[in-house]
Amino acid sequence: MKEIENRDDSEEEFALHLAETTDLSPRQARELIRKYGHDREKLMEAARNFKAEG
């Protein structure tokens, strides 16, 4: 069970980092991570598109 908690903490940290570096909200960053996984290149492209649409 601890492994799952650590993974959730790690994902939350990743979402916060993505939010800070792309000006997305943490919620929006988590949505993109769920959709695209941890592929940084895809996430950055999706974040740029997300901001352009909004």
N, C-alpha and C. Protein backbone atom coordinates (compact mmCIF):
# COMPACT_ATOMS: atom_id res chain seq x y z
N MET A 1 0.82 -1.19 0.00
CA MET A 1 0.00 0.00 0.00
C MET A 1 0.87 1.26 0.00
N LYS A 2 1.98 1.21 0.67
CA LYS A 2 2.89 2.36 0.72
C LYS A 2 3.38 2.70 -0.68
N GLU A 3 3.61 1.69 -1.52
CA GLU A 3 4.07 1.93 -2.89
C GLU A 3 3.05 2.75 -3.66
N ILE A 4 1.78 2.47 -3.48
CA ILE A 4 0.73 3.22 -4.17
C ILE A 4 0.72 4.66 -3.68
N GLU A 5 0.86 4.87 -2.37
CA GLU A 5 0.89 6.22 -1.83
C GLU A 5 2.08 6.99 -2.39
N ASN A 6 3.24 6.35 -2.47
CA ASN A 6 4.43 7.01 -3.01
C ASN A 6 4.22 7.39 -4.46
N ARG A 7 3.59 6.52 -5.22
CA ARG A 7 3.33 6.81 -6.63
C ARG A 7 2.38 8.00 -6.75
N ASP A 8 1.36 8.05 -5.89
CA ASP A 8 0.43 9.18 -5.91
C ASP A 8 1.14 10.47 -5.55
N ASP A 9 2.03 10.43 -4.54
CA ASP A 9 2.80 11.61 -4.15
C ASP A 9 3.68 12.06 -5.30
N SER A 10 4.33 11.11 -5.96
CA SER A 10 5.21 11.43 -7.08
C SER A 10 4.42 12.06 -8.22
N GLU A 11 3.25 11.53 -8.50
CA GLU A 11 2.43 12.07 -9.57
C GLU A 11 1.95 13.47 -9.22
N GLU A 12 1.61 13.69 -7.96
CA GLU A 12 1.19 15.01 -7.53
C GLU A 12 2.33 16.02 -7.68
N GLU A 13 3.54 15.61 -7.31
CA GLU A 13 4.71 16.49 -7.46
C GLU A 13 4.93 16.81 -8.94
N PHE A 14 4.78 15.81 -9.79
CA PHE A 14 4.96 16.01 -11.23
C PHE A 14 3.90 16.98 -11.75
N ALA A 15 2.67 16.83 -11.30
CA ALA A 15 1.58 17.72 -11.72
C ALA A 15 1.86 19.15 -11.28
N LEU A 16 2.34 19.31 -10.05
CA LEU A 16 2.65 20.65 -9.56
C LEU A 16 3.79 21.28 -10.36
N HIS A 17 4.79 20.48 -10.68
CA HIS A 17 5.91 20.98 -11.49
C HIS A 17 5.41 21.40 -12.88
N LEU A 18 4.59 20.58 -13.49
CA LEU A 18 4.04 20.90 -14.81
C LEU A 18 3.22 22.18 -14.73
N ALA A 19 2.42 22.31 -13.69
CA ALA A 19 1.60 23.51 -13.52
C ALA A 19 2.48 24.76 -13.39
N GLU A 20 3.53 24.66 -12.62
CA GLU A 20 4.40 25.81 -12.41
C GLU A 20 5.15 26.20 -13.67
N THR A 21 5.55 25.23 -14.46
CA THR A 21 6.36 25.53 -15.64
C THR A 21 5.54 25.90 -16.86
N THR A 22 4.23 25.69 -16.81
CA THR A 22 3.39 25.95 -17.99
C THR A 22 2.26 26.93 -17.72
N ASP A 23 2.15 27.42 -16.50
CA ASP A 23 1.07 28.34 -16.11
C ASP A 23 -0.32 27.71 -16.19
N LEU A 24 -0.38 26.39 -16.15
CA LEU A 24 -1.66 25.71 -16.02
C LEU A 24 -1.99 25.60 -14.54
N SER A 25 -3.24 25.32 -14.24
CA SER A 25 -3.59 25.05 -12.85
C SER A 25 -3.15 23.62 -12.52
N PRO A 26 -2.96 23.29 -11.26
CA PRO A 26 -2.62 21.91 -10.91
C PRO A 26 -3.68 20.92 -11.41
N ARG A 27 -4.94 21.33 -11.37
CA ARG A 27 -6.01 20.45 -11.86
C ARG A 27 -5.86 20.17 -13.35
N GLN A 28 -5.57 21.22 -14.12
CA GLN A 28 -5.38 21.06 -15.56
C GLN A 28 -4.16 20.18 -15.84
N ALA A 29 -3.10 20.37 -15.06
CA ALA A 29 -1.89 19.56 -15.24
C ALA A 29 -2.20 18.09 -14.97
N ARG A 30 -2.95 17.79 -13.90
CA ARG A 30 -3.31 16.39 -13.60
C ARG A 30 -4.14 15.79 -14.73
N GLU A 31 -5.05 16.59 -15.31
CA GLU A 31 -5.87 16.09 -16.42
C GLU A 31 -4.98 15.69 -17.60
N LEU A 32 -4.01 16.54 -17.92
CA LEU A 32 -3.11 16.23 -19.03
C LEU A 32 -2.26 15.00 -18.74
N ILE A 33 -1.80 14.86 -17.49
CA ILE A 33 -1.00 13.67 -17.13
C ILE A 33 -1.84 12.42 -17.26
N ARG A 34 -3.10 12.47 -16.84
CA ARG A 34 -3.97 11.29 -16.98
C ARG A 34 -4.17 10.95 -18.46
N LYS A 35 -4.26 11.98 -19.28
CA LYS A 35 -4.52 11.75 -20.70
C LYS A 35 -3.27 11.30 -21.46
N TYR A 36 -2.10 11.91 -21.17
CA TYR A 36 -0.89 11.66 -21.96
C TYR A 36 0.19 10.90 -21.23
N GLY A 37 0.00 10.60 -19.96
CA GLY A 37 1.03 9.90 -19.20
C GLY A 37 2.16 10.84 -18.83
N HIS A 38 3.35 10.29 -18.64
CA HIS A 38 4.48 11.09 -18.18
C HIS A 38 5.45 11.46 -19.31
N ASP A 39 4.99 11.40 -20.54
CA ASP A 39 5.82 11.78 -21.68
C ASP A 39 5.93 13.31 -21.68
N ARG A 40 7.07 13.81 -21.26
CA ARG A 40 7.27 15.25 -21.07
C ARG A 40 7.04 16.04 -22.36
N GLU A 41 7.50 15.52 -23.48
CA GLU A 41 7.34 16.22 -24.76
C GLU A 41 5.86 16.37 -25.12
N LYS A 42 5.11 15.28 -25.00
CA LYS A 42 3.67 15.34 -25.30
C LYS A 42 2.95 16.27 -24.34
N LEU A 43 3.34 16.22 -23.06
CA LEU A 43 2.70 17.06 -22.07
C LEU A 43 2.94 18.55 -22.35
N MET A 44 4.16 18.89 -22.71
CA MET A 44 4.47 20.29 -22.98
C MET A 44 3.71 20.79 -24.21
N GLU A 45 3.61 19.95 -25.23
CA GLU A 45 2.85 20.32 -26.43
C GLU A 45 1.37 20.47 -26.08
N ALA A 46 0.84 19.54 -25.31
CA ALA A 46 -0.56 19.60 -24.91
C ALA A 46 -0.81 20.84 -24.04
N ALA A 47 0.12 21.17 -23.17
CA ALA A 47 -0.02 22.35 -22.31
C ALA A 47 -0.05 23.62 -23.16
N ARG A 48 0.80 23.70 -24.17
CA ARG A 48 0.80 24.87 -25.05
C ARG A 48 -0.55 24.99 -25.79
N ASN A 49 -1.05 23.86 -26.27
CA ASN A 49 -2.34 23.86 -26.96
C ASN A 49 -3.48 24.21 -26.00
N PHE A 50 -3.37 23.70 -24.80
CA PHE A 50 -4.40 23.94 -23.78
C PHE A 50 -4.49 25.44 -23.48
N LYS A 51 -3.32 26.07 -23.33
CA LYS A 51 -3.30 27.51 -23.05
C LYS A 51 -3.80 28.30 -24.26
N ALA A 52 -3.47 27.85 -25.45
CA ALA A 52 -3.87 28.56 -26.66
C ALA A 52 -5.39 28.51 -26.85
N GLU A 53 -6.01 27.40 -26.46
CA GLU A 53 -7.46 27.26 -26.57
C GLU A 53 -8.19 28.10 -25.54
N GLY A 54 -7.58 28.24 -24.35
CA GLY A 54 -8.25 28.94 -23.24
C GLY A 54 -8.10 30.37 -23.36
